[in-house]
Protein backbone atom coordinates (compact mmCIF):
# COMPACT_ATOMS: atom_id res chain seq x y z
CA UNK A 1 107.94 78.98 49.38
CA UNK A 2 109.42 81.30 47.12
CA UNK A 3 113.58 80.91 46.87
CA UNK A 4 115.67 83.88 47.63
CA UNK A 5 116.38 85.74 44.80
CA UNK A 6 120.13 86.04 43.98
CA UNK A 7 122.03 88.64 42.41
CA UNK A 8 124.23 87.32 39.10
CA UNK A 9 126.48 88.48 37.04
CA UNK A 10 126.41 86.23 33.45
CA UNK A 11 129.17 86.76 30.68
CA UNK A 12 128.28 86.80 27.20
CA UNK A 13 130.14 86.34 24.12
CA UNK A 14 129.97 85.10 20.02
CA UNK A 15 131.79 85.19 17.65
CA UNK A 16 129.88 83.63 14.19
CA UNK A 17 126.56 84.81 12.82
CA UNK A 18 125.27 87.68 13.54
CA UNK A 19 126.55 88.31 17.22
CA UNK A 20 125.12 91.25 17.56
CA UNK A 21 121.29 89.13 16.92
CA UNK A 22 122.73 86.17 19.21
CA UNK A 23 123.44 88.64 22.46
CA UNK A 24 120.23 90.23 22.40
CA UNK A 25 118.52 86.70 21.65
CA UNK A 26 120.76 85.78 24.62
CA UNK A 27 118.94 88.94 26.77
CA UNK A 28 115.83 88.33 25.65
CA UNK A 29 116.00 84.12 26.89
CA UNK A 30 117.65 84.95 29.99
CA UNK A 31 114.95 87.43 31.19
CA UNK A 32 112.48 85.34 30.19
CA UNK A 33 114.17 82.46 32.45
CA UNK A 34 110.62 81.65 35.79
CA UNK A 35 112.33 83.74 38.46
CA UNK A 36 114.53 85.56 36.66
CA UNK A 37 114.59 89.93 35.95
CA UNK A 38 117.27 91.20 33.66
CA UNK A 39 118.76 94.15 35.88
CA UNK A 40 121.03 96.03 33.66
CA UNK A 41 123.69 95.08 30.46
CA UNK A 42 126.90 96.02 30.82
CA UNK A 43 128.25 97.29 26.76
CA UNK A 44 129.21 95.47 23.67
CA UNK A 45 132.87 95.22 22.91
CA UNK A 46 134.80 93.34 20.26
CA UNK A 47 137.88 91.04 22.01
CA UNK A 48 140.40 88.90 20.46
CA UNK A 49 139.53 85.48 21.00
CA UNK A 50 141.04 83.50 23.85
CA UNK A 51 142.71 80.12 24.04
CA UNK A 52 145.63 81.61 20.82
CA UNK A 53 143.45 79.89 18.13
CA UNK A 54 142.93 81.56 14.77
CA UNK A 55 138.99 82.96 14.29
CA UNK A 56 137.14 85.99 14.65
CA UNK A 57 136.94 88.31 16.77
CA UNK A 58 133.98 88.06 19.77
CA UNK A 59 131.06 90.89 21.05
CA UNK A 60 131.32 90.31 24.55
CA UNK A 61 128.92 92.00 27.00
CA UNK A 62 127.77 90.91 30.95
CA UNK A 63 124.27 91.12 32.13
CA UNK A 64 123.19 91.22 35.56
CA UNK A 65 120.19 88.87 36.41
CA UNK A 66 117.90 88.97 39.41
CA UNK A 67 117.01 85.75 39.78
CA UNK A 68 115.31 82.66 42.24
CA UNK A 69 116.56 79.94 40.32
CA UNK A 70 119.90 77.51 41.95
CA UNK A 71 123.48 77.46 40.30
CA UNK A 72 122.79 73.86 38.02
CA UNK A 73 119.19 75.80 36.84
CA UNK A 74 120.60 78.48 35.68
CA UNK A 75 123.74 76.66 34.19
CA UNK A 76 120.75 74.03 32.73
CA UNK A 77 119.08 77.55 31.08
CA UNK A 78 121.96 78.67 30.05
CA UNK A 79 123.30 75.75 28.13
CA UNK A 80 119.70 75.31 26.12
CA UNK A 81 120.08 79.21 26.02
CA UNK A 82 123.27 78.29 23.55
CA UNK A 83 121.98 74.63 21.95
CA UNK A 84 118.73 76.95 20.95
CA UNK A 85 121.91 79.49 19.14
CA UNK A 86 123.39 77.02 17.25
CA UNK A 87 126.86 76.04 19.76
CA UNK A 88 128.41 73.26 19.51
CA UNK A 89 130.49 71.84 21.89
CA UNK A 90 132.82 69.72 20.74
CA UNK A 91 135.73 71.73 21.30
CA UNK A 92 137.31 74.12 23.63
CA UNK A 93 137.82 77.62 22.96
CA UNK A 94 136.24 76.67 19.39
CA UNK A 95 134.14 79.64 17.56
CA UNK A 96 130.83 79.52 18.85
CA UNK A 97 127.82 81.28 17.93
CA UNK A 98 127.01 82.15 21.73
CA UNK A 99 128.56 81.17 25.03
CA UNK A 100 126.93 82.37 28.06
CA UNK A 101 129.15 81.96 31.54
CA UNK A 102 128.00 82.39 35.42
CA UNK A 103 131.01 84.83 36.39
CA UNK A 104 128.85 85.14 40.43
CA UNK A 105 126.34 83.97 41.27
CA UNK A 106 125.10 86.44 44.72
CA UNK A 107 128.46 85.73 47.02
CA UNK A 108 128.53 82.12 46.58
CA UNK A 109 132.02 79.92 45.62
CA UNK A 110 130.76 76.54 43.91
CA UNK A 111 133.11 74.10 42.94
CA UNK A 112 131.62 70.88 40.79
CA UNK A 113 133.57 69.65 37.75
CA UNK A 114 131.09 71.17 35.58
CA UNK A 115 130.14 75.09 37.58
CA UNK A 116 133.24 77.26 39.17
CA UNK A 117 132.42 80.26 40.29
CA UNK A 118 133.72 82.63 40.48
CA UNK A 119 134.67 81.72 36.71
CA UNK A 120 138.16 80.97 37.21
CA UNK A 121 138.88 83.18 33.89
CA UNK A 122 137.48 86.52 35.62
CA UNK A 123 140.85 87.46 37.10
CA UNK A 124 142.41 86.54 33.57
CA UNK A 125 139.52 88.60 31.84
CA UNK A 126 140.42 92.05 31.42
CA UNK A 127 136.62 93.07 29.25
CA UNK A 128 135.35 91.02 31.98
CA UNK A 129 136.59 92.91 34.79
CA UNK A 130 135.52 96.81 33.21
CA UNK A 131 132.07 95.29 32.03
CA UNK A 132 131.50 93.71 35.64
CA UNK A 133 132.28 96.76 37.26
CA UNK A 134 130.23 99.02 35.03
CA UNK A 135 127.11 97.17 35.84
CA UNK A 136 128.06 97.16 39.34
CA UNK A 137 128.77 100.62 39.49
CA UNK A 138 124.60 100.78 38.17
CA UNK A 139 124.24 99.20 40.57
CA UNK A 140 125.08 102.57 43.00
């Protein structure tokens, strides 16, 4: 039996190295996941870093996926894509080559130690709000 496919929104961010290339490789890697297709990608925008640390600006983007993966499978895949891009998770709010966040997963609400959906930052990140609105407008 095939798992039901759900619409998922993933936020992509990078502020180290070739930021645009990191986002492009992440989009390709997400599109190549099993039982997953990349339905749309928002405009890429540059934003100031969060968390108050002095660091380079970020390039951010959001993508809309349609996937048969479970939230846990998708989280593991996102973390693998981050590691492949050289992501080091030693310090919170640190600069990163790539950050992938599951923002929304269908209509699910998930509250686990390492996975919260909707993402708790959604209400506080105006760039995520813009990117999500852009992707939802594409859906009409």
